[in-house]
């Protein structure tokens, strides 16, 4: 579903007062089924659109056929934008249309609606490793609370479950939200500087009665590009297929190994693709769990580092043996 098409449907409703799914389909050159689905999506998103059954029925804007879209409240703009970003439809054309609408809004809601537009973006480009667990879709229980905090510029205490350091609580200034490949990310200022947080790893959000000013030069798209560029530079370029005991998957990921399940083999083990930031790092991580892991197609370089790690372990064991 394209968000710019949804805005076109809203503008069509404004112009005609009442439309049928057939009229929308003809105007936008889409199927009647798609037109009906778009109209229903606007209603589900909380926008003032309703259907009237029977003779002379159709779809209308709440308050009358000539209701002006300047009546679109900031919360409704936020609902439309969030839905658009979640479906990957926040195109440049959509953003342009939303900005034109907000310029005609009443002053009390114009600024907040504009912040709603500037605080969410979508990024459809894959991560550096297409099999990365970062590509798996996740739930977003705390998305609404975080978006309210972004729009209100309200400081929150974020409960976060990091894969390596575990659970913690920290005060953050939420600056914006990005959805990438089905996963939402929060960009925020912290005591340690700017950070990004995966929303699916948030375990609690406590809003404080404290407000903050966003950095005057903050731009969500630029900040996100800096983060993604850094990730790609650090992302897994060394991968290997392996047969892994199921119980060893979580320990592997806890050590920072990118581990993607490809299937299950007959003996109950999982066929996986595992990866690390470098050959040295991946070899060291595999060595820590060598028992439940059988490498299928390791590169000679990876094998060499594993052999070297094994030799160092043997030498260390002999040096510390009471029989030495």
C-alpha atoms as a PDB file:
ATOM      1  CA  UNK A   1       0.000   0.000   0.000  1.00  0.00           C
ATOM      2  CA  UNK A   2       1.470   3.372  -1.025  1.00  0.00           C
ATOM      3  CA  UNK A   3       0.996   6.269   1.378  1.00  0.00           C
ATOM      4  CA  UNK A   4       0.861   8.841  -1.441  1.00  0.00           C
ATOM      5  CA  UNK A   5      -2.150   6.952  -2.821  1.00  0.00           C
ATOM      6  CA  UNK A   6      -3.885   7.196   0.561  1.00  0.00           C
ATOM      7  CA  UNK A   7      -3.376  10.953   0.552  1.00  0.00           C
ATOM      8  CA  UNK A   8      -4.813  11.040  -2.978  1.00  0.00           C
ATOM      9  CA  UNK A   9      -7.907   9.228  -1.694  1.00  0.00           C
ATOM     10  CA  UNK A  10      -8.297  11.828   1.078  1.00  0.00           C
ATOM     11  CA  UNK A  11      -7.976  14.680  -1.404  1.00  0.00           C
ATOM     12  CA  UNK A  12     -10.555  13.004  -3.625  1.00  0.00           C
ATOM     13  CA  UNK A  13     -12.939  12.787  -0.669  1.00  0.00           C
ATOM     14  CA  UNK A  14     -12.427  16.476   0.023  1.00  0.00           C
ATOM     15  CA  UNK A  15     -13.074  17.459  -3.578  1.00  0.00           C
ATOM     16  CA  UNK A  16     -16.201  15.343  -4.128  1.00  0.00           C
ATOM     17  CA  UNK A  17     -17.642  15.087  -0.650  1.00  0.00           C
ATOM     18  CA  UNK A  18     -18.703  11.481  -1.214  1.00  0.00           C
ATOM     19  CA  UNK A  19     -17.172   8.769  -3.356  1.00  0.00           C
ATOM     20  CA  UNK A  20     -17.745   5.108  -4.089  1.00  0.00           C
ATOM     21  CA  UNK A  21     -15.010   2.517  -4.291  1.00  0.00           C
ATOM     22  CA  UNK A  22     -15.666   2.348  -8.029  1.00  0.00           C
ATOM     23  CA  UNK A  23     -15.095   6.093  -8.453  1.00  0.00           C
ATOM     24  CA  UNK A  24     -11.846   5.920  -6.484  1.00  0.00           C
ATOM     25  CA  UNK A  25     -10.710   2.977  -8.604  1.00  0.00           C
ATOM     26  CA  UNK A  26     -11.433   4.845 -11.858  1.00  0.00           C
ATOM     27  CA  UNK A  27      -9.774   8.051 -10.665  1.00  0.00           C
ATOM     28  CA  UNK A  28      -6.580   6.415  -9.399  1.00  0.00           C
ATOM     29  CA  UNK A  29      -6.450   3.636 -12.010  1.00  0.00           C
ATOM     30  CA  UNK A  30      -6.494   0.826  -9.477  1.00  0.00           C
ATOM     31  CA  UNK A  31      -8.816  -2.125  -8.905  1.00  0.00           C
ATOM     32  CA  UNK A  32     -12.080  -1.623  -7.027  1.00  0.00           C
ATOM     33  CA  UNK A  33     -10.907  -4.123  -4.426  1.00  0.00           C
ATOM     34  CA  UNK A  34      -7.734  -2.100  -3.837  1.00  0.00           C
ATOM     35  CA  UNK A  35      -9.753   1.119  -3.596  1.00  0.00           C
ATOM     36  CA  UNK A  36     -12.059  -0.419  -0.982  1.00  0.00           C
ATOM     37  CA  UNK A  37      -9.075  -1.693   0.973  1.00  0.00           C
ATOM     38  CA  UNK A  38      -7.503   1.801   0.943  1.00  0.00           C
ATOM     39  CA  UNK A  39     -10.725   3.397   2.184  1.00  0.00           C
ATOM     40  CA  UNK A  40     -11.003   0.853   4.969  1.00  0.00           C
ATOM     41  CA  UNK A  41      -7.336   1.399   5.881  1.00  0.00           C
ATOM     42  CA  UNK A  42      -7.987   5.118   6.383  1.00  0.00           C
ATOM     43  CA  UNK A  43     -10.783   4.277   8.801  1.00  0.00           C
ATOM     44  CA  UNK A  44      -8.677   1.743  10.698  1.00  0.00           C
ATOM     45  CA  UNK A  45      -5.874   4.316  10.997  1.00  0.00           C
ATOM     46  CA  UNK A  46      -8.243   6.622  12.915  1.00  0.00           C
ATOM     47  CA  UNK A  47      -8.878   9.166  10.155  1.00  0.00           C
ATOM     48  CA  UNK A  48     -12.362  10.826   9.919  1.00  0.00           C
ATOM     49  CA  UNK A  49     -13.608   8.622   7.075  1.00  0.00           C
ATOM     50  CA  UNK A  50     -16.779   6.519   7.252  1.00  0.00           C
ATOM     51  CA  UNK A  51     -18.976   4.499   4.884  1.00  0.00           C
ATOM     52  CA  UNK A  52     -22.705   4.919   4.308  1.00  0.00           C
ATOM     53  CA  UNK A  53     -24.669   1.950   3.027  1.00  0.00           C
ATOM     54  CA  UNK A  54     -27.705   1.851   0.735  1.00  0.00           C
ATOM     55  CA  UNK A  55     -28.890   3.945  -2.193  1.00  0.00           C
ATOM     56  CA  UNK A  56     -26.811   7.067  -2.609  1.00  0.00           C
ATOM     57  CA  UNK A  57     -24.242   5.724  -0.177  1.00  0.00           C
ATOM     58  CA  UNK A  58     -20.497   5.815  -0.400  1.00  0.00           C
ATOM     59  CA  UNK A  59     -17.530   6.990   1.617  1.00  0.00           C
ATOM     60  CA  UNK A  60     -17.499  10.409   3.306  1.00  0.00           C
ATOM     61  CA  UNK A  61     -15.382  12.623   5.520  1.00  0.00           C
ATOM     62  CA  UNK A  62     -16.823  13.016   9.005  1.00  0.00           C
ATOM     63  CA  UNK A  63     -18.683  16.314   9.369  1.00  0.00           C
ATOM     64  CA  UNK A  64     -19.996  16.646   5.840  1.00  0.00           C
ATOM     65  CA  UNK A  65     -19.028  16.232   2.237  1.00  0.00           C
ATOM     66  CA  UNK A  66     -17.052  19.491   2.081  1.00  0.00           C
ATOM     67  CA  UNK A  67     -15.032  18.950   5.261  1.00  0.00           C
ATOM     68  CA  UNK A  68     -11.602  20.541   4.803  1.00  0.00           C
ATOM     69  CA  UNK A  69      -8.520  18.422   5.315  1.00  0.00           C
ATOM     70  CA  UNK A  70      -7.169  21.238   7.478  1.00  0.00           C
ATOM     71  CA  UNK A  71      -9.330  19.632  10.165  1.00  0.00           C
ATOM     72  CA  UNK A  72      -6.879  16.737  10.240  1.00  0.00           C
ATOM     73  CA  UNK A  73      -5.654  16.662  13.823  1.00  0.00           C
ATOM     74  CA  UNK A  74      -2.024  16.090  14.690  1.00  0.00           C
ATOM     75  CA  UNK A  75      -2.873  12.705  16.205  1.00  0.00           C
ATOM     76  CA  UNK A  76      -4.554  11.719  12.937  1.00  0.00           C
ATOM     77  CA  UNK A  77      -1.555  12.918  10.937  1.00  0.00           C
ATOM     78  CA  UNK A  78       0.620  10.814  13.231  1.00  0.00           C
ATOM     79  CA  UNK A  79      -1.621   7.769  12.671  1.00  0.00           C
ATOM     80  CA  UNK A  80      -1.421   8.168   8.891  1.00  0.00           C
ATOM     81  CA  UNK A  81       2.324   8.688   8.909  1.00  0.00           C
ATOM     82  CA  UNK A  82       3.015   5.737  11.217  1.00  0.00           C
ATOM     83  CA  UNK A  83       0.881   3.437   9.073  1.00  0.00           C
ATOM     84  CA  UNK A  84       2.656   4.683   5.956  1.00  0.00           C
ATOM     85  CA  UNK A  85       6.106   4.136   7.394  1.00  0.00           C
ATOM     86  CA  UNK A  86       5.207   0.686   8.707  1.00  0.00           C
ATOM     87  CA  UNK A  87       4.112  -0.403   5.239  1.00  0.00           C
ATOM     88  CA  UNK A  88       7.163   1.136   3.570  1.00  0.00           C
ATOM     89  CA  UNK A  89       5.057   3.784   1.866  1.00  0.00           C
ATOM     90  CA  UNK A  90       6.543   7.007   3.207  1.00  0.00           C
ATOM     91  CA  UNK A  91       7.729   8.105  -0.237  1.00  0.00           C
ATOM     92  CA  UNK A  92       9.088  11.595  -1.028  1.00  0.00           C
ATOM     93  CA  UNK A  93       5.781  12.322  -2.790  1.00  0.00           C
ATOM     94  CA  UNK A  94       3.894  11.362   0.365  1.00  0.00           C
ATOM     95  CA  UNK A  95       6.068  13.570   2.556  1.00  0.00           C
ATOM     96  CA  UNK A  96       5.528  16.477   0.155  1.00  0.00           C
ATOM     97  CA  UNK A  97       1.750  15.978   0.213  1.00  0.00           C
ATOM     98  CA  UNK A  98       1.680  15.820   4.010  1.00  0.00           C
ATOM     99  CA  UNK A  99       3.708  19.041   4.277  1.00  0.00           C
ATOM    100  CA  UNK A 100       1.253  20.849   1.990  1.00  0.00           C
ATOM    101  CA  UNK A 101      -1.626  19.668   4.163  1.00  0.00           C
ATOM    102  CA  UNK A 102       0.028  20.745   7.409  1.00  0.00           C
ATOM    103  CA  UNK A 103       0.698  24.242   6.068  1.00  0.00           C
ATOM    104  CA  UNK A 104      -3.073  24.733   5.855  1.00  0.00           C
ATOM    105  CA  UNK A 105      -3.735  23.386   9.357  1.00  0.00           C
ATOM    106  CA  UNK A 106      -4.757  25.643  12.246  1.00  0.00           C
ATOM    107  CA  UNK A 107      -1.746  27.051  14.073  1.00  0.00           C
ATOM    108  CA  UNK A 108      -2.274  25.090  17.338  1.00  0.00           C
ATOM    109  CA  UNK A 109      -1.788  21.734  15.613  1.00  0.00           C
ATOM    110  CA  UNK A 110       0.454  22.708  12.707  1.00  0.00           C
ATOM    111  CA  UNK A 111       3.751  22.501  14.593  1.00  0.00           C
ATOM    112  CA  UNK A 112       2.978  19.141  16.193  1.00  0.00           C
ATOM    113  CA  UNK A 113       1.792  17.677  12.880  1.00  0.00           C
ATOM    114  CA  UNK A 114       4.998  18.877  11.233  1.00  0.00           C
ATOM    115  CA  UNK A 115       7.036  17.230  13.978  1.00  0.00           C
ATOM    116  CA  UNK A 116       5.103  14.024  13.317  1.00  0.00           C
ATOM    117  CA  UNK A 117       6.193  14.143   9.687  1.00  0.00           C
ATOM    118  CA  UNK A 118       9.835  14.894  10.554  1.00  0.00           C
ATOM    119  CA  UNK A 119      10.095  12.291  13.318  1.00  0.00           C
ATOM    120  CA  UNK A 120       9.404   9.111  11.308  1.00  0.00           C
ATOM    121  CA  UNK A 121      11.084   7.668   8.244  1.00  0.00           C
ATOM    122  CA  UNK A 122      11.321   4.332   6.474  1.00  0.00           C
ATOM    123  CA  UNK A 123      14.453   2.652   5.096  1.00  0.00           C
ATOM    124  CA  UNK A 124      13.887  -0.315   2.769  1.00  0.00           C
ATOM    125  CA  UNK A 125      17.539  -1.019   2.005  1.00  0.00           C
ATOM    126  CA  UNK A 126      18.776  -4.362   3.396  1.00  0.00           C
ATOM    127  CA  UNK A 127      21.425  -4.570   6.086  1.00  0.00           C
ATOM    128  CA  UNK A 128      24.969  -5.536   5.047  1.00  0.00           C
ATOM    129  CA  UNK A 129      24.258  -9.241   5.682  1.00  0.00           C
ATOM    130  CA  UNK A 130      20.907 -10.238   4.079  1.00  0.00           C
ATOM    131  CA  UNK A 131      20.657 -13.281   6.374  1.00  0.00           C
ATOM    132  CA  UNK A 132      21.217 -11.166   9.486  1.00  0.00           C
ATOM    133  CA  UNK A 133      18.875 -11.650  12.417  1.00  0.00           C
ATOM    134  CA  UNK A 134      18.416  -7.866  12.144  1.00  0.00           C
ATOM    135  CA  UNK A 135      16.224  -8.606   9.109  1.00  0.00           C
ATOM    136  CA  UNK A 136      13.705 -10.649  11.097  1.00  0.00           C
ATOM    137  CA  UNK A 137      10.399  -8.807  11.857  1.00  0.00           C
ATOM    138  CA  UNK A 138       9.694  -8.077  15.527  1.00  0.00           C
ATOM    139  CA  UNK A 139       6.797  -6.870  17.670  1.00  0.00           C
ATOM    140  CA  UNK A 140       6.589  -3.205  18.632  1.00  0.00           C
ATOM    141  CA  UNK A 141       4.704  -3.049  21.908  1.00  0.00           C
ATOM    142  CA  UNK A 142       6.181   0.292  22.984  1.00  0.00           C
ATOM    143  CA  UNK A 143       5.986   2.087  19.644  1.00  0.00           C
ATOM    144  CA  UNK A 144       3.026   4.355  20.510  1.00  0.00           C
ATOM    145  CA  UNK A 145       4.519   5.461  23.835  1.00  0.00           C
ATOM    146  CA  UNK A 146       7.847   6.225  22.202  1.00  0.00           C
ATOM    147  CA  UNK A 147       6.278   8.191  19.386  1.00  0.00           C
ATOM    148  CA  UNK A 148       4.320  10.324  21.846  1.00  0.00           C
ATOM    149  CA  UNK A 149       7.567  11.027  23.683  1.00  0.00           C
ATOM    150  CA  UNK A 150       9.256  11.994  20.402  1.00  0.00           C
ATOM    151  CA  UNK A 151       6.479  14.430  19.499  1.00  0.00           C
ATOM    152  CA  UNK A 152       6.191  15.916  22.991  1.00  0.00           C
ATOM    153  CA  UNK A 153       9.978  16.168  23.378  1.00  0.00           C
ATOM    154  CA  UNK A 154       9.558  14.373  26.691  1.00  0.00           C
ATOM    155  CA  UNK A 155      12.444  12.623  28.428  1.00  0.00           C
ATOM    156  CA  UNK A 156      11.804   8.950  29.245  1.00  0.00           C
ATOM    157  CA  UNK A 157      13.464   6.223  31.257  1.00  0.00           C
ATOM    158  CA  UNK A 158      14.014   3.413  28.787  1.00  0.00           C
ATOM    159  CA  UNK A 159      14.131  -0.190  29.946  1.00  0.00           C
ATOM    160  CA  UNK A 160      16.258  -2.024  27.375  1.00  0.00           C
ATOM    161  CA  UNK A 161      17.374  -5.625  26.928  1.00  0.00           C
ATOM    162  CA  UNK A 162      20.677  -5.537  25.033  1.00  0.00           C
ATOM    163  CA  UNK A 163      21.929  -8.878  23.642  1.00  0.00           C
ATOM    164  CA  UNK A 164      25.361  -8.584  25.271  1.00  0.00           C
ATOM    165  CA  UNK A 165      24.966  -6.427  28.381  1.00  0.00           C
ATOM    166  CA  UNK A 166      21.478  -7.591  29.386  1.00  0.00           C
ATOM    167  CA  UNK A 167      18.725  -5.450  30.874  1.00  0.00           C
ATOM    168  CA  UNK A 168      19.263  -1.886  32.004  1.00  0.00           C
ATOM    169  CA  UNK A 169      17.399   1.367  32.538  1.00  0.00           C
ATOM    170  CA  UNK A 170      18.627   4.687  31.229  1.00  0.00           C
ATOM    171  CA  UNK A 171      17.213   8.207  30.732  1.00  0.00           C
ATOM    172  CA  UNK A 172      17.027   9.154  27.057  1.00  0.00           C
ATOM    173  CA  UNK A 173      15.816  12.072  24.941  1.00  0.00           C
ATOM    174  CA  UNK A 174      13.872  10.439  22.062  1.00  0.00           C
ATOM    175  CA  UNK A 175      14.526  12.263  18.784  1.00  0.00           C
ATOM    176  CA  UNK A 176      12.953  10.125  16.058  1.00  0.00           C
ATOM    177  CA  UNK A 177      11.826   6.732  14.816  1.00  0.00           C
ATOM    178  CA  UNK A 178      12.890   4.735  11.774  1.00  0.00           C
ATOM    179  CA  UNK A 179      11.464   1.500  10.397  1.00  0.00           C
ATOM    180  CA  UNK A 180      13.923  -0.691   8.489  1.00  0.00           C
ATOM    181  CA  UNK A 181      13.003  -4.050   6.976  1.00  0.00           C
ATOM    182  CA  UNK A 182      10.036  -4.442   9.338  1.00  0.00           C
ATOM    183  CA  UNK A 183      11.933  -3.435  12.487  1.00  0.00           C
ATOM    184  CA  UNK A 184      11.500  -0.108  14.312  1.00  0.00           C
ATOM    185  CA  UNK A 185      14.446   1.815  15.751  1.00  0.00           C
ATOM    186  CA  UNK A 186      14.487   4.741  18.189  1.00  0.00           C
ATOM    187  CA  UNK A 187      17.161   7.412  17.792  1.00  0.00           C
ATOM    188  CA  UNK A 188      17.851   9.202  21.066  1.00  0.00           C
ATOM    189  CA  UNK A 189      20.329  11.338  22.942  1.00  0.00           C
ATOM    190  CA  UNK A 190      21.779   9.686  26.049  1.00  0.00           C
ATOM    191  CA  UNK A 191      24.379  10.528  28.674  1.00  0.00           C
ATOM    192  CA  UNK A 192      26.867   8.644  26.501  1.00  0.00           C
ATOM    193  CA  UNK A 193      25.908  10.461  23.290  1.00  0.00           C
ATOM    194  CA  UNK A 194      23.543   9.679  20.419  1.00  0.00           C
ATOM    195  CA  UNK A 195      22.376   6.070  20.274  1.00  0.00           C
ATOM    196  CA  UNK A 196      19.892   3.890  18.382  1.00  0.00           C
ATOM    197  CA  UNK A 197      17.655   1.328  20.092  1.00  0.00           C
ATOM    198  CA  UNK A 198      15.620  -1.484  18.587  1.00  0.00           C
ATOM    199  CA  UNK A 199      12.027  -0.987  19.716  1.00  0.00           C
ATOM    200  CA  UNK A 200      11.446  -4.735  19.969  1.00  0.00           C
ATOM    201  CA  UNK A 201      14.142  -4.868  22.676  1.00  0.00           C
ATOM    202  CA  UNK A 202      12.488  -2.164  24.779  1.00  0.00           C
ATOM    203  CA  UNK A 203      10.974  -3.703  27.914  1.00  0.00           C
ATOM    204  CA  UNK A 204       9.565  -0.552  29.549  1.00  0.00           C
ATOM    205  CA  UNK A 205       9.001   3.154  28.915  1.00  0.00           C
ATOM    206  CA  UNK A 206       8.518   5.573  31.824  1.00  0.00           C
ATOM    207  CA  UNK A 207       7.665   9.123  30.781  1.00  0.00           C
ATOM    208  CA  UNK A 208       9.172  11.818  33.005  1.00  0.00           C
ATOM    209  CA  UNK A 209       7.804  15.286  33.712  1.00  0.00           C
ATOM    210  CA  UNK A 210      10.894  16.647  32.004  1.00  0.00           C
ATOM    211  CA  UNK A 211      11.131  18.092  28.524  1.00  0.00           C
ATOM    212  CA  UNK A 212      14.112  18.715  26.279  1.00  0.00           C
ATOM    213  CA  UNK A 213      15.085  20.716  23.240  1.00  0.00           C
ATOM    214  CA  UNK A 214      16.244  18.760  20.221  1.00  0.00           C
ATOM    215  CA  UNK A 215      19.677  19.754  18.872  1.00  0.00           C
ATOM    216  CA  UNK A 216      19.075  22.637  16.434  1.00  0.00           C
ATOM    217  CA  UNK A 217      20.993  20.876  13.669  1.00  0.00           C
ATOM    218  CA  UNK A 218      19.372  17.453  14.161  1.00  0.00           C
ATOM    219  CA  UNK A 219      18.130  15.822  10.958  1.00  0.00           C
ATOM    220  CA  UNK A 220      16.620  12.353  11.241  1.00  0.00           C
ATOM    221  CA  UNK A 221      17.663  11.178   7.776  1.00  0.00           C
ATOM    222  CA  UNK A 222      21.274  12.335   8.253  1.00  0.00           C
ATOM    223  CA  UNK A 223      21.508  10.787  11.716  1.00  0.00           C
ATOM    224  CA  UNK A 224      20.156   7.480  10.433  1.00  0.00           C
ATOM    225  CA  UNK A 225      22.528   7.458   7.459  1.00  0.00           C
ATOM    226  CA  UNK A 226      25.456   7.884   9.842  1.00  0.00           C
ATOM    227  CA  UNK A 227      24.241   4.930  11.928  1.00  0.00           C
ATOM    228  CA  UNK A 228      23.616   2.623   8.973  1.00  0.00           C
ATOM    229  CA  UNK A 229      26.940   3.517   7.380  1.00  0.00           C
ATOM    230  CA  UNK A 230      28.697   2.617  10.601  1.00  0.00           C
ATOM    231  CA  UNK A 231      26.825  -0.672  10.836  1.00  0.00           C
ATOM    232  CA  UNK A 232      27.652  -1.676   7.275  1.00  0.00           C
ATOM    233  CA  UNK A 233      31.325  -0.978   7.950  1.00  0.00           C
ATOM    234  CA  UNK A 234      31.182  -3.214  11.011  1.00  0.00           C
ATOM    235  CA  UNK A 235      28.724  -5.765   9.640  1.00  0.00           C
ATOM    236  CA  UNK A 236      29.463  -9.407   9.028  1.00  0.00           C
ATOM    237  CA  UNK A 237      31.522  -9.995   5.917  1.00  0.00           C
ATOM    238  CA  UNK A 238      32.743 -13.441   7.020  1.00  0.00           C
ATOM    239  CA  UNK A 239      30.109 -16.162   6.914  1.00  0.00           C
ATOM    240  CA  UNK A 240      30.019 -19.931   7.091  1.00  0.00           C
ATOM    241  CA  UNK A 241      27.351 -22.644   7.093  1.00  0.00           C
ATOM    242  CA  UNK A 242      27.233 -24.829  10.163  1.00  0.00           C
ATOM    243  CA  UNK A 243      25.201 -27.557  11.858  1.00  0.00           C
ATOM    244  CA  UNK A 244      24.366 -26.359  15.368  1.00  0.00           C
ATOM    245  CA  UNK A 245      22.701 -27.927  18.389  1.00  0.00           C
ATOM    246  CA  UNK A 246      19.472 -25.928  19.070  1.00  0.00           C
ATOM    247  CA  UNK A 247      20.498 -25.059  22.631  1.00  0.00           C
ATOM    248  CA  UNK A 248      23.651 -23.354  21.369  1.00  0.00           C
ATOM    249  CA  UNK A 249      21.843 -20.747  19.223  1.00  0.00           C
ATOM    250  CA  UNK A 250      21.176 -18.267  22.043  1.00  0.00           C
ATOM    251  CA  UNK A 251      24.732 -18.472  23.429  1.00  0.00           C
ATOM    252  CA  UNK A 252      26.093 -17.870  19.927  1.00  0.00           C
ATOM    253  CA  UNK A 253      23.963 -14.758  19.478  1.00  0.00           C
ATOM    254  CA  UNK A 254      24.803 -13.571  22.983  1.00  0.00           C
ATOM    255  CA  UNK A 255      28.478 -13.613  21.989  1.00  0.00           C
ATOM    256  CA  UNK A 256      27.682 -11.379  19.023  1.00  0.00           C
ATOM    257  CA  UNK A 257      27.674 -14.058  16.294  1.00  0.00           C
ATOM    258  CA  UNK A 258      25.137 -13.375  13.586  1.00  0.00           C
ATOM    259  CA  UNK A 259      23.248 -16.648  13.366  1.00  0.00           C
ATOM    260  CA  UNK A 260      20.444 -17.228  10.852  1.00  0.00           C
ATOM    261  CA  UNK A 261      18.519 -20.505  10.745  1.00  0.00           C
ATOM    262  CA  UNK A 262      18.361 -22.041   7.259  1.00  0.00           C
ATOM    263  CA  UNK A 263      16.546 -25.270   8.185  1.00  0.00           C
ATOM    264  CA  UNK A 264      16.649 -28.413  10.308  1.00  0.00           C
ATOM    265  CA  UNK A 265      18.580 -31.586   9.521  1.00  0.00           C
ATOM    266  CA  UNK A 266      17.518 -35.142  10.361  1.00  0.00           C
ATOM    267  CA  UNK A 267      19.434 -35.518  13.618  1.00  0.00           C
ATOM    268  CA  UNK A 268      17.618 -32.519  15.126  1.00  0.00           C
ATOM    269  CA  UNK A 269      20.417 -30.015  14.664  1.00  0.00           C
ATOM    270  CA  UNK A 270      19.838 -26.728  12.877  1.00  0.00           C
ATOM    271  CA  UNK A 271      21.477 -25.780   9.613  1.00  0.00           C
ATOM    272  CA  UNK A 272      22.581 -22.189  10.074  1.00  0.00           C
ATOM    273  CA  UNK A 273      24.612 -19.456   8.511  1.00  0.00           C
ATOM    274  CA  UNK A 274      26.885 -17.864  11.082  1.00  0.00           C
ATOM    275  CA  UNK A 275      28.969 -14.764  10.636  1.00  0.00           C
ATOM    276  CA  UNK A 276      31.390 -12.425  12.382  1.00  0.00           C
ATOM    277  CA  UNK A 277      32.983  -9.058  11.830  1.00  0.00           C
ATOM    278  CA  UNK A 278      36.302 -10.688  10.942  1.00  0.00           C
ATOM    279  CA  UNK A 279      37.843 -14.140  10.531  1.00  0.00           C
ATOM    280  CA  UNK A 280      39.701 -13.704  13.816  1.00  0.00           C
ATOM    281  CA  UNK A 281      36.570 -12.724  15.737  1.00  0.00           C
ATOM    282  CA  UNK A 282      34.423 -15.509  14.282  1.00  0.00           C
ATOM    283  CA  UNK A 283      37.089 -18.145  14.974  1.00  0.00           C
ATOM    284  CA  UNK A 284      37.386 -17.012  18.596  1.00  0.00           C
ATOM    285  CA  UNK A 285      33.609 -17.079  19.059  1.00  0.00           C
ATOM    286  CA  UNK A 286      33.256 -20.535  17.508  1.00  0.00           C
ATOM    287  CA  UNK A 287      36.105 -21.842  19.647  1.00  0.00           C
ATOM    288  CA  UNK A 288      34.142 -20.910  22.743  1.00  0.00           C
ATOM    289  CA  UNK A 289      31.347 -23.293  21.725  1.00  0.00           C
ATOM    290  CA  UNK A 290      33.204 -25.769  19.540  1.00  0.00           C
ATOM    291  CA  UNK A 291      31.356 -28.865  20.846  1.00  0.00           C
ATOM    292  CA  UNK A 292      27.823 -28.150  19.535  1.00  0.00           C
ATOM    293  CA  UNK A 293      28.995 -26.648  16.212  1.00  0.00           C
ATOM    294  CA  UNK A 294      30.017 -28.508  13.061  1.00  0.00           C
ATOM    295  CA  UNK A 295      31.271 -26.253  10.269  1.00  0.00           C
ATOM    296  CA  UNK A 296      30.063 -27.283   6.798  1.00  0.00           C
ATOM    297  CA  UNK A 297      32.049 -25.128   4.388  1.00  0.00           C
ATOM    298  CA  UNK A 298      34.654 -23.152   6.319  1.00  0.00           C
ATOM    299  CA  UNK A 299      37.168 -21.111   4.379  1.00  0.00           C
ATOM    300  CA  UNK A 300      40.831 -22.150   4.659  1.00  0.00           C
ATOM    301  CA  UNK A 301      41.487 -18.874   6.469  1.00  0.00           C
ATOM    302  CA  UNK A 302      38.818 -19.637   9.087  1.00  0.00           C
ATOM    303  CA  UNK A 303      40.145 -23.185   9.541  1.00  0.00           C
ATOM    304  CA  UNK A 304      43.656 -21.804  10.009  1.00  0.00           C
ATOM    305  CA  UNK A 305      42.522 -19.419  12.744  1.00  0.00           C
ATOM    306  CA  UNK A 306      40.591 -22.224  14.475  1.00  0.00           C
ATOM    307  CA  UNK A 307      43.663 -24.471  14.396  1.00  0.00           C
ATOM    308  CA  UNK A 308      45.775 -21.655  15.812  1.00  0.00           C
ATOM    309  CA  UNK A 309      43.203 -21.040  18.560  1.00  0.00           C
ATOM    310  CA  UNK A 310      43.239 -24.750  19.400  1.00  0.00           C
ATOM    311  CA  UNK A 311      47.014 -24.827  19.569  1.00  0.00           C
ATOM    312  CA  UNK A 312      47.033 -21.839  21.912  1.00  0.00           C
ATOM    313  CA  UNK A 313      44.481 -23.539  24.168  1.00  0.00           C
ATOM    314  CA  UNK A 314      46.554 -26.737  24.254  1.00  0.00           C
ATOM    315  CA  UNK A 315      49.726 -24.801  25.053  1.00  0.00           C
ATOM    316  CA  UNK A 316      47.936 -22.836  27.775  1.00  0.00           C
ATOM    317  CA  UNK A 317      46.519 -26.013  29.293  1.00  0.00           C
ATOM    318  CA  UNK A 318      49.944 -27.691  29.372  1.00  0.00           C
ATOM    319  CA  UNK A 319      51.576 -24.626  30.893  1.00  0.00           C
ATOM    320  CA  UNK A 320      49.054 -24.583  33.719  1.00  0.00           C
ATOM    321  CA  UNK A 321      48.883 -28.333  34.265  1.00  0.00           C
ATOM    322  CA  UNK A 322      50.143 -29.516  37.675  1.00  0.00           C
ATOM    323  CA  UNK A 323      51.920 -32.340  35.811  1.00  0.00           C
ATOM    324  CA  UNK A 324      53.900 -29.969  33.618  1.00  0.00           C
END
